[in-house]
Amino acid sequence: SGGGLVQPGGSLRLSCAASGSIFSINVMGWYRQAPGKQREL
């Protein structure tokens, strides 16, 4: 959650809640993919 439209110079806060069988040893992260480009970390 938390995406949207913002003006240049603005701020946004994204959130991601995980549920299910999650063990304590893990890595969480964010990737993005722009139109016509590869997904990147």
PDB file of all heavy atoms in Angstrom:
ATOM      1  N   SER A   1       0.848  -1.188   0.000  1.00  0.00           N
ATOM      2  CA  SER A   1       0.000   0.000   0.000  1.00  0.00           C
ATOM      3  C   SER A   1       0.879   1.232   0.000  1.00  0.00           C
ATOM      4  O   SER A   1       2.078   1.148   0.284  1.00  0.00           O
ATOM      5  CB  SER A   1      -0.935   0.005   1.217  1.00  0.00           C
ATOM      6  OG  SER A   1      -0.187   0.018   2.409  1.00  0.00           O
ATOM      7  N   GLY A   2       0.264   2.371  -0.340  1.00  0.00           N
ATOM      8  CA  GLY A   2       0.979   3.632  -0.234  1.00  0.00           C
ATOM      9  C   GLY A   2       1.405   4.266  -1.540  1.00  0.00           C
ATOM     10  O   GLY A   2       1.942   5.377  -1.538  1.00  0.00           O
ATOM     11  N   GLY A   3       1.188   3.606  -2.663  1.00  0.00           N
ATOM     12  CA  GLY A   3       1.552   4.218  -3.932  1.00  0.00           C
ATOM     13  C   GLY A   3       0.601   5.335  -4.305  1.00  0.00           C
ATOM     14  O   GLY A   3      -0.402   5.579  -3.629  1.00  0.00           O
ATOM     15  N   GLY A   4       0.926   6.030  -5.399  1.00  0.00           N
ATOM     16  CA  GLY A   4       0.061   7.099  -5.848  1.00  0.00           C
ATOM     17  C   GLY A   4       0.785   8.082  -6.728  1.00  0.00           C
ATOM     18  O   GLY A   4       1.889   7.818  -7.219  1.00  0.00           O
ATOM     19  N   LEU A   5       0.143   9.223  -6.919  1.00  0.00           N
ATOM     20  CA  LEU A   5       0.685  10.297  -7.749  1.00  0.00           C
ATOM     21  C   LEU A   5       1.261  11.377  -6.851  1.00  0.00           C
ATOM     22  O   LEU A   5       0.594  11.821  -5.902  1.00  0.00           O
ATOM     23  CB  LEU A   5      -0.428  10.888  -8.628  1.00  0.00           C
ATOM     24  CG  LEU A   5      -0.083  12.130  -9.445  1.00  0.00           C
ATOM     25  CD1 LEU A   5       0.986  11.806 -10.485  1.00  0.00           C
ATOM     26  CD2 LEU A   5      -1.341  12.676 -10.108  1.00  0.00           C
ATOM     27  N   VAL A   6       2.474  11.797  -7.157  1.00  0.00           N
ATOM     28  CA  VAL A   6       3.134  12.826  -6.358  1.00  0.00           C
ATOM     29  C   VAL A   6       3.921  13.739  -7.285  1.00  0.00           C
ATOM     30  O   VAL A   6       4.388  13.306  -8.352  1.00  0.00           O
ATOM     31  CB  VAL A   6       4.040  12.185  -5.286  1.00  0.00           C
ATOM     32  CG1 VAL A   6       5.179  11.402  -5.926  1.00  0.00           C
ATOM     33  CG2 VAL A   6       4.562  13.212  -4.305  1.00  0.00           C
ATOM     34  N   GLN A   7       4.062  14.984  -6.898  1.00  0.00           N
ATOM     35  CA  GLN A   7       4.833  15.930  -7.693  1.00  0.00           C
ATOM     36  C   GLN A   7       6.334  15.725  -7.478  1.00  0.00           C
ATOM     37  O   GLN A   7       6.750  15.223  -6.420  1.00  0.00           O
ATOM     38  CB  GLN A   7       4.454  17.359  -7.330  1.00  0.00           C
ATOM     39  CG  GLN A   7       3.036  17.726  -7.733  1.00  0.00           C
ATOM     40  CD  GLN A   7       2.737  19.203  -7.483  1.00  0.00           C
ATOM     41  OE1 GLN A   7       3.425  19.872  -6.729  1.00  0.00           O
ATOM     42  NE2 GLN A   7       1.696  19.705  -8.131  1.00  0.00           N
ATOM     43  N   PRO A   8       7.143  16.108  -8.439  1.00  0.00           N
ATOM     44  CA  PRO A   8       8.591  16.025  -8.244  1.00  0.00           C
ATOM     45  C   PRO A   8       9.013  16.772  -6.980  1.00  0.00           C
ATOM     46  O   PRO A   8       8.514  17.861  -6.691  1.00  0.00           O
ATOM     47  CB  PRO A   8       9.147  16.704  -9.501  1.00  0.00           C
ATOM     48  CG  PRO A   8       8.089  16.480 -10.533  1.00  0.00           C
ATOM     49  CD  PRO A   8       6.787  16.569  -9.796  1.00  0.00           C
ATOM     50  N   GLY A   9       9.905  16.133  -6.239  1.00  0.00           N
ATOM     51  CA  GLY A   9      10.341  16.698  -4.973  1.00  0.00           C
ATOM     52  C   GLY A   9       9.514  16.250  -3.785  1.00  0.00           C
ATOM     53  O   GLY A   9       9.892  16.498  -2.631  1.00  0.00           O
ATOM     54  N   GLY A  10       8.412  15.579  -4.046  1.00  0.00           N
ATOM     55  CA  GLY A  10       7.523  15.126  -2.982  1.00  0.00           C
ATOM     56  C   GLY A  10       7.972  13.821  -2.365  1.00  0.00           C
ATOM     57  O   GLY A  10       9.025  13.276  -2.694  1.00  0.00           O
ATOM     58  N   SER A  11       7.150  13.322  -1.448  1.00  0.00           N
ATOM     59  CA  SER A  11       7.465  12.101  -0.706  1.00  0.00           C
ATOM     60  C   SER A  11       6.296  11.131  -0.726  1.00  0.00           C
ATOM     61  O   SER A  11       5.131  11.548  -0.839  1.00  0.00           O
ATOM     62  CB  SER A  11       7.795  12.450   0.757  1.00  0.00           C
ATOM     63  OG  SER A  11       8.925  13.278   0.836  1.00  0.00           O
ATOM     64  N   LEU A  12       6.628   9.879  -0.608  1.00  0.00           N
ATOM     65  CA  LEU A  12       5.644   8.820  -0.448  1.00  0.00           C
ATOM     66  C   LEU A  12       6.230   7.775   0.490  1.00  0.00           C
ATOM     67  O   LEU A  12       7.451   7.601   0.548  1.00  0.00           O
ATOM     68  CB  LEU A  12       5.306   8.142  -1.773  1.00  0.00           C
ATOM     69  CG  LEU A  12       4.318   8.808  -2.732  1.00  0.00           C
ATOM     70  CD1 LEU A  12       4.210   8.003  -4.006  1.00  0.00           C
ATOM     71  CD2 LEU A  12       2.961   8.996  -2.091  1.00  0.00           C
ATOM     72  N   ARG A  13       5.338   7.063   1.190  1.00  0.00           N
ATOM     73  CA  ARG A  13       5.763   5.965   2.042  1.00  0.00           C
ATOM     74  C   ARG A  13       5.015   4.707   1.625  1.00  0.00           C
ATOM     75  O   ARG A  13       3.778   4.669   1.704  1.00  0.00           O
ATOM     76  CB  ARG A  13       5.495   6.267   3.510  1.00  0.00           C
ATOM     77  CG  ARG A  13       6.098   5.241   4.468  1.00  0.00           C
ATOM     78  CD  ARG A  13       5.557   5.431   5.864  1.00  0.00           C
ATOM     79  NE  ARG A  13       6.341   4.720   6.860  1.00  0.00           N
ATOM     80  CZ  ARG A  13       5.838   4.259   7.999  1.00  0.00           C
ATOM     81  NH1 ARG A  13       4.550   4.436   8.273  1.00  0.00           N
ATOM     82  NH2 ARG A  13       6.616   3.633   8.874  1.00  0.00           N
ATOM     83  N   LEU A  14       5.755   3.717   1.192  1.00  0.00           N
ATOM     84  CA  LEU A  14       5.167   2.441   0.831  1.00  0.00           C
ATOM     85  C   LEU A  14       5.228   1.492   2.020  1.00  0.00           C
ATOM     86  O   LEU A  14       6.190   1.514   2.791  1.00  0.00           O
ATOM     87  CB  LEU A  14       5.903   1.819  -0.353  1.00  0.00           C
ATOM     88  CG  LEU A  14       6.030   2.671  -1.614  1.00  0.00           C
ATOM     89  CD1 LEU A  14       6.746   1.870  -2.705  1.00  0.00           C
ATOM     90  CD2 LEU A  14       4.691   3.163  -2.091  1.00  0.00           C
ATOM     91  N   SER A  15       4.205   0.663   2.141  1.00  0.00           N
ATOM     92  CA  SER A  15       4.161  -0.355   3.182  1.00  0.00           C
ATOM     93  C   SER A  15       3.871  -1.707   2.550  1.00  0.00           C
ATOM     94  O   SER A  15       3.191  -1.791   1.533  1.00  0.00           O
ATOM     95  CB  SER A  15       3.071  -0.049   4.218  1.00  0.00           C
ATOM     96  OG  SER A  15       3.287   1.182   4.842  1.00  0.00           O
ATOM     97  N   CYS A  16       4.380  -2.754   3.190  1.00  0.00           N
ATOM     98  CA  CYS A  16       4.125  -4.106   2.711  1.00  0.00           C
ATOM     99  C   CYS A  16       4.006  -5.016   3.925  1.00  0.00           C
ATOM    100  O   CYS A  16       4.965  -5.174   4.676  1.00  0.00           O
ATOM    101  CB  CYS A  16       5.240  -4.573   1.800  1.00  0.00           C
ATOM    102  SG  CYS A  16       5.125  -6.309   1.322  1.00  0.00           S
ATOM    103  N   ALA A  17       2.834  -5.608   4.073  1.00  0.00           N
ATOM    104  CA  ALA A  17       2.584  -6.513   5.194  1.00  0.00           C
ATOM    105  C   ALA A  17       2.605  -7.947   4.704  1.00  0.00           C
ATOM    106  O   ALA A  17       1.912  -8.295   3.741  1.00  0.00           O
ATOM    107  CB  ALA A  17       1.241  -6.190   5.836  1.00  0.00           C
ATOM    108  N   ALA A  18       3.383  -8.773   5.372  1.00  0.00           N
ATOM    109  CA  ALA A  18       3.492 -10.183   5.019  1.00  0.00           C
ATOM    110  C   ALA A  18       2.699 -11.024   6.013  1.00  0.00           C
ATOM    111  O   ALA A  18       2.684 -10.741   7.208  1.00  0.00           O
ATOM    112  CB  ALA A  18       4.953 -10.616   5.024  1.00  0.00           C
ATOM    113  N   SER A  19       2.051 -12.053   5.508  1.00  0.00           N
ATOM    114  CA  SER A  19       1.307 -12.960   6.364  1.00  0.00           C
ATOM    115  C   SER A  19       1.535 -14.398   5.895  1.00  0.00           C
ATOM    116  O   SER A  19       1.895 -14.631   4.743  1.00  0.00           O
ATOM    117  CB  SER A  19      -0.192 -12.640   6.339  1.00  0.00           C
ATOM    118  OG  SER A  19      -0.706 -12.761   5.020  1.00  0.00           O
ATOM    119  N   GLY A  20       1.320 -15.342   6.811  1.00  0.00           N
ATOM    120  CA  GLY A  20       1.500 -16.741   6.459  1.00  0.00           C
ATOM    121  C   GLY A  20       2.651 -17.359   7.219  1.00  0.00           C
ATOM    122  O   GLY A  20       3.020 -16.918   8.299  1.00  0.00           O
ATOM    123  N   SER A  21       3.257 -18.370   6.624  1.00  0.00           N
ATOM    124  CA  SER A  21       4.340 -19.124   7.260  1.00  0.00           C
ATOM    125  C   SER A  21       5.666 -18.406   7.047  1.00  0.00           C
ATOM    126  O   SER A  21       6.399 -18.688   6.111  1.00  0.00           O
ATOM    127  CB  SER A  21       4.401 -20.543   6.686  1.00  0.00           C
ATOM    128  OG  SER A  21       3.184 -21.230   6.904  1.00  0.00           O
ATOM    129  N   ILE A  22       5.945 -17.482   7.944  1.00  0.00           N
ATOM    130  CA  ILE A  22       7.143 -16.652   7.813  1.00  0.00           C
ATOM    131  C   ILE A  22       8.098 -16.981   8.947  1.00  0.00           C
ATOM    132  O   ILE A  22       7.715 -16.937  10.109  1.00  0.00           O
ATOM    133  CB  ILE A  22       6.781 -15.164   7.854  1.00  0.00           C
ATOM    134  CG1 ILE A  22       5.819 -14.841   6.718  1.00  0.00           C
ATOM    135  CG2 ILE A  22       8.032 -14.306   7.755  1.00  0.00           C
ATOM    136  CD1 ILE A  22       5.167 -13.497   6.845  1.00  0.00           C
ATOM    137  N   PHE A  23       9.302 -17.301   8.593  1.00  0.00           N
ATOM    138  CA  PHE A  23      10.301 -17.580   9.592  1.00  0.00           C
ATOM    139  C   PHE A  23      11.110 -16.332   9.868  1.00  0.00           C
ATOM    140  O   PHE A  23      11.183 -15.434   9.050  1.00  0.00           O
ATOM    141  CB  PHE A  23      11.208 -18.724   9.124  1.00  0.00           C
ATOM    142  CG  PHE A  23      10.455 -19.996   8.886  1.00  0.00           C
ATOM    143  CD1 PHE A  23      10.095 -20.370   7.609  1.00  0.00           C
ATOM    144  CD2 PHE A  23      10.076 -20.805   9.943  1.00  0.00           C
ATOM    145  CE1 PHE A  23       9.391 -21.528   7.376  1.00  0.00           C
ATOM    146  CE2 PHE A  23       9.372 -21.972   9.718  1.00  0.00           C
ATOM    147  CZ  PHE A  23       9.021 -22.338   8.427  1.00  0.00           C
ATOM    148  N   SER A  24      11.725 -16.293  11.005  1.00  0.00           N
ATOM    149  CA  SER A  24      12.397 -15.066  11.425  1.00  0.00           C
ATOM    150  C   SER A  24      13.584 -14.729  10.534  1.00  0.00           C
ATOM    151  O   SER A  24      13.904 -13.574  10.342  1.00  0.00           O
ATOM    152  CB  SER A  24      12.858 -15.180  12.880  1.00  0.00           C
ATOM    153  OG  SER A  24      13.777 -16.259  13.017  1.00  0.00           O
ATOM    154  N   ILE A  25      14.258 -15.745   9.989  1.00  0.00           N
ATOM    155  CA  ILE A  25      15.423 -15.466   9.166  1.00  0.00           C
ATOM    156  C   ILE A  25      14.953 -15.193   7.738  1.00  0.00           C
ATOM    157  O   ILE A  25      14.560 -16.094   7.006  1.00  0.00           O
ATOM    158  CB  ILE A  25      16.404 -16.649   9.184  1.00  0.00           C
ATOM    159  CG1 ILE A  25      16.849 -16.917  10.614  1.00  0.00           C
ATOM    160  CG2 ILE A  25      17.594 -16.355   8.297  1.00  0.00           C
ATOM    161  CD1 ILE A  25      17.720 -18.126  10.768  1.00  0.00           C
ATOM    162  N   ASN A  26      14.939 -13.929   7.378  1.00  0.00           N
ATOM    163  CA  ASN A  26      14.482 -13.591   6.038  1.00  0.00           C
ATOM    164  C   ASN A  26      14.994 -12.215   5.648  1.00  0.00           C
ATOM    165  O   ASN A  26      15.517 -11.473   6.470  1.00  0.00           O
ATOM    166  CB  ASN A  26      12.944 -13.609   5.975  1.00  0.00           C
ATOM    167  CG  ASN A  26      12.323 -12.603   6.909  1.00  0.00           C
ATOM    168  OD1 ASN A  26      12.371 -11.403   6.650  1.00  0.00           O
ATOM    169  ND2 ASN A  26      11.724 -13.064   7.988  1.00  0.00           N
ATOM    170  N   VAL A  27      14.831 -11.926   4.386  1.00  0.00           N
ATOM    171  CA  VAL A  27      15.178 -10.618   3.849  1.00  0.00           C
ATOM    172  C   VAL A  27      13.942 -10.071   3.152  1.00  0.00           C
ATOM    173  O   VAL A  27      13.268 -10.780   2.406  1.00  0.00           O
ATOM    174  CB  VAL A  27      16.350 -10.706   2.846  1.00  0.00           C
ATOM    175  CG1 VAL A  27      16.626  -9.341   2.222  1.00  0.00           C
ATOM    176  CG2 VAL A  27      17.599 -11.237   3.539  1.00  0.00           C
ATOM    177  N   MET A  28      13.635  -8.824   3.411  1.00  0.00           N
ATOM    178  CA  MET A  28      12.531  -8.155   2.725  1.00  0.00           C
ATOM    179  C   MET A  28      13.086  -7.008   1.912  1.00  0.00           C
ATOM    180  O   MET A  28      14.151  -6.456   2.231  1.00  0.00           O
ATOM    181  CB  MET A  28      11.496  -7.644   3.724  1.00  0.00           C
ATOM    182  CG  MET A  28      10.877  -8.744   4.575  1.00  0.00           C
ATOM    183  SD  MET A  28       9.488  -8.177   5.583  1.00  0.00           S
ATOM    184  CE  MET A  28       8.174  -8.119   4.350  1.00  0.00           C
ATOM    185  N   GLY A  29      12.393  -6.652   0.859  1.00  0.00           N
ATOM    186  CA  GLY A  29      12.910  -5.588   0.018  1.00  0.00           C
ATOM    187  C   GLY A  29      11.888  -5.045  -0.950  1.00  0.00           C
ATOM    188  O   GLY A  29      10.726  -5.475  -0.964  1.00  0.00           O
ATOM    189  N   TRP A  30      12.354  -4.095  -1.714  1.00  0.00           N
ATOM    190  CA  TRP A  30      11.532  -3.442  -2.734  1.00  0.00           C
ATOM    191  C   TRP A  30      12.270  -3.453  -4.069  1.00  0.00           C
ATOM    192  O   TRP A  30      13.454  -3.129  -4.129  1.00  0.00           O
ATOM    193  CB  TRP A  30      11.221  -2.002  -2.341  1.00  0.00           C
ATOM    194  CG  TRP A  30      10.332  -1.876  -1.153  1.00  0.00           C
ATOM    195  CD1 TRP A  30      10.715  -1.749   0.147  1.00  0.00           C
ATOM    196  CD2 TRP A  30       8.909  -1.875  -1.151  1.00  0.00           C
ATOM    197  NE1 TRP A  30       9.609  -1.673   0.968  1.00  0.00           N
ATOM    198  CE2 TRP A  30       8.486  -1.739   0.186  1.00  0.00           C
ATOM    199  CE3 TRP A  30       7.936  -1.964  -2.146  1.00  0.00           C
ATOM    200  CZ2 TRP A  30       7.144  -1.698   0.556  1.00  0.00           C
ATOM    201  CZ3 TRP A  30       6.594  -1.924  -1.782  1.00  0.00           C
ATOM    202  CH2 TRP A  30       6.208  -1.797  -0.443  1.00  0.00           C
ATOM    203  N   TYR A  31      11.549  -3.830  -5.106  1.00  0.00           N
ATOM    204  CA  TYR A  31      12.003  -3.728  -6.476  1.00  0.00           C
ATOM    205  C   TYR A  31      11.058  -2.774  -7.196  1.00  0.00           C
ATOM    206  O   TYR A  31       9.970  -2.484  -6.709  1.00  0.00           O
ATOM    207  CB  TYR A  31      11.974  -5.090  -7.173  1.00  0.00           C
ATOM    208  CG  TYR A  31      13.123  -5.999  -6.823  1.00  0.00           C
ATOM    209  CD1 TYR A  31      13.212  -6.605  -5.573  1.00  0.00           C
ATOM    210  CD2 TYR A  31      14.116  -6.287  -7.761  1.00  0.00           C
ATOM    211  CE1 TYR A  31      14.263  -7.448  -5.258  1.00  0.00           C
ATOM    212  CE2 TYR A  31      15.169  -7.135  -7.463  1.00  0.00           C
ATOM    213  CZ  TYR A  31      15.233  -7.713  -6.205  1.00  0.00           C
ATOM    214  OH  TYR A  31      16.269  -8.553  -5.906  1.00  0.00           O
ATOM    215  N   ARG A  32      11.489  -2.329  -8.364  1.00  0.00           N
ATOM    216  CA  ARG A  32      10.599  -1.521  -9.186  1.00  0.00           C
ATOM    217  C   ARG A  32      10.814  -1.850 -10.654  1.00  0.00           C
ATOM    218  O   ARG A  32      11.882  -2.314 -11.060  1.00  0.00           O
ATOM    219  CB  ARG A  32      10.811  -0.025  -8.942  1.00  0.00           C
ATOM    220  CG  ARG A  32      12.145   0.519  -9.429  1.00  0.00           C
ATOM    221  CD  ARG A  32      12.291   1.970  -9.003  1.00  0.00           C
ATOM    222  NE  ARG A  32      13.546   2.552  -9.500  1.00  0.00           N
ATOM    223  CZ  ARG A  32      13.967   3.770  -9.163  1.00  0.00           C
ATOM    224  NH1 ARG A  32      13.265   4.528  -8.342  1.00  0.00           N
ATOM    225  NH2 ARG A  32      15.105   4.226  -9.667  1.00  0.00           N
ATOM    226  N   GLN A  33       9.756  -1.599 -11.418  1.00  0.00           N
ATOM    227  CA  GLN A  33       9.832  -1.831 -12.856  1.00  0.00           C
ATOM    228  C   GLN A  33       9.118  -0.699 -13.575  1.00  0.00           C
ATOM    229  O   GLN A  33       7.906  -0.508 -13.399  1.00  0.00           O
ATOM    230  CB  GLN A  33       9.216  -3.174 -13.234  1.00  0.00           C
ATOM    231  CG  GLN A  33       9.411  -3.539 -14.691  1.00  0.00           C
ATOM    232  CD  GLN A  33       9.098  -4.987 -14.979  1.00  0.00           C
ATOM    233  OE1 GLN A  33       8.401  -5.656 -14.235  1.00  0.00           O
ATOM    234  NE2 GLN A  33       9.640  -5.501 -16.082  1.00  0.00           N
ATOM    235  N   ALA A  34       9.897   0.036 -14.350  1.00  0.00           N
ATOM    236  CA  ALA A  34       9.345   1.110 -15.171  1.00  0.00           C
ATOM    237  C   ALA A  34       8.962   0.552 -16.535  1.00  0.00           C
ATOM    238  O   ALA A  34       9.500  -0.478 -16.960  1.00  0.00           O
ATOM    239  CB  ALA A  34      10.371   2.230 -15.315  1.00  0.00           C
ATOM    240  N   PRO A  35       8.064   1.228 -17.239  1.00  0.00           N
ATOM    241  CA  PRO A  35       7.648   0.743 -18.571  1.00  0.00           C
ATOM    242  C   PRO A  35       8.843   0.566 -19.497  1.00  0.00           C
ATOM    243  O   PRO A  35       9.674   1.465 -19.626  1.00  0.00           O
ATOM    244  CB  PRO A  35       6.719   1.856 -19.059  1.00  0.00           C
ATOM    245  CG  PRO A  35       6.175   2.465 -17.825  1.00  0.00           C
ATOM    246  CD  PRO A  35       7.301   2.411 -16.829  1.00  0.00           C
ATOM    247  N   GLY A  36       8.927  -0.607 -20.116  1.00  0.00           N
ATOM    248  CA  GLY A  36       9.992  -0.870 -21.063  1.00  0.00           C
ATOM    249  C   GLY A  36      11.339  -1.182 -20.442  1.00  0.00           C
ATOM    250  O   GLY A  36      12.326  -1.324 -21.160  1.00  0.00           O
ATOM    251  N   LYS A  37      11.385  -1.288 -19.112  1.00  0.00           N
ATOM    252  CA  LYS A  37      12.654  -1.550 -18.439  1.00  0.00           C
ATOM    253  C   LYS A  37      12.564  -2.816 -17.603  1.00  0.00           C
ATOM    254  O   LYS A  37      11.481  -3.301 -17.276  1.00  0.00           O
ATOM    255  CB  LYS A  37      13.045  -0.362 -17.554  1.00  0.00           C
ATOM    256  CG  LYS A  37      13.334   0.911 -18.326  1.00  0.00           C
ATOM    257  CD  LYS A  37      13.884   1.986 -17.407  1.00  0.00           C
ATOM    258  CE  LYS A  37      14.239   3.242 -18.186  1.00  0.00           C
ATOM    259  NZ  LYS A  37      14.807   4.303 -17.295  1.00  0.00           N
ATOM    260  N   GLN A  38      13.741  -3.341 -17.257  1.00  0.00           N
ATOM    261  CA  GLN A  38      13.781  -4.526 -16.420  1.00  0.00           C
ATOM    262  C   GLN A  38      13.499  -4.166 -14.964  1.00  0.00           C
ATOM    263  O   GLN A  38      13.741  -3.043 -14.527  1.00  0.00           O
ATOM    264  CB  GLN A  38      15.159  -5.190 -16.529  1.00  0.00           C
ATOM    265  CG  GLN A  38      15.420  -5.841 -17.878  1.00  0.00           C
ATOM    266  CD  GLN A  38      16.715  -6.627 -17.890  1.00  0.00           C
ATOM    267  OE1 GLN A  38      17.651  -6.307 -17.166  1.00  0.00           O
ATOM    268  NE2 GLN A  38      16.766  -7.663 -18.706  1.00  0.00           N
ATOM    269  N   ARG A  39      13.003  -5.161 -14.238  1.00  0.00           N
ATOM    270  CA  ARG A  39      12.794  -4.955 -12.816  1.00  0.00           C
ATOM    271  C   ARG A  39      14.147  -4.801 -12.136  1.00  0.00           C
ATOM    272  O   ARG A  39      15.100  -5.531 -12.430  1.00  0.00           O
ATOM    273  CB  ARG A  39      12.033  -6.143 -12.229  1.00  0.00           C
ATOM    274  CG  ARG A  39      11.518  -5.943 -10.830  1.00  0.00           C
ATOM    275  CD  ARG A  39      10.641  -7.092 -10.386  1.00  0.00           C
ATOM    276  NE  ARG A  39       9.421  -7.191 -11.194  1.00  0.00           N
ATOM    277  CZ  ARG A  39       8.408  -7.996 -10.892  1.00  0.00           C
ATOM    278  NH1 ARG A  39       8.471  -8.778  -9.829  1.00  0.00           N
ATOM    279  NH2 ARG A  39       7.348  -8.043 -11.664  1.00  0.00           N
ATOM    280  N   GLU A  40      14.231  -3.849 -11.201  1.00  0.00           N
ATOM    281  CA  GLU A  40      15.497  -3.577 -10.533  1.00  0.00           C
ATOM    282  C   GLU A  40      15.299  -3.465  -9.029  1.00  0.00           C
ATOM    283  O   GLU A  40      14.239  -3.036  -8.553  1.00  0.00           O
ATOM    284  CB  GLU A  40      16.119  -2.277 -11.065  1.00  0.00           C
ATOM    285  CG  GLU A  40      15.297  -1.041 -10.824  1.00  0.00           C
ATOM    286  CD  GLU A  40      15.980   0.229 -11.319  1.00  0.00           C
ATOM    287  OE1 GLU A  40      17.073   0.153 -11.898  1.00  0.00           O
ATOM    288  OE2 GLU A  40      15.393   1.317 -11.104  1.00  0.00           O
ATOM    289  N   LEU A  41      16.340  -3.836  -8.301  1.00  0.00           N
ATOM    290  CA  LEU A  41      16.319  -3.712  -6.847  1.00  0.00           C
ATOM    291  C   LEU A  41      16.373  -2.240  -6.457  1.00  0.00           C
ATOM    292  O   LEU A  41      17.176  -1.480  -6.991  1.00  0.00           O
ATOM    293  CB  LEU A  41      17.495  -4.458  -6.230  1.00  0.00           C
ATOM    294  CG  LEU A  41      17.680  -4.294  -4.729  1.00  0.00           C
ATOM    295  CD1 LEU A  41      16.555  -4.980  -3.962  1.00  0.00           C
ATOM    296  CD2 LEU A  41      19.036  -4.824  -4.292  1.00  0.00           C
TER     297      LEU A  41
END
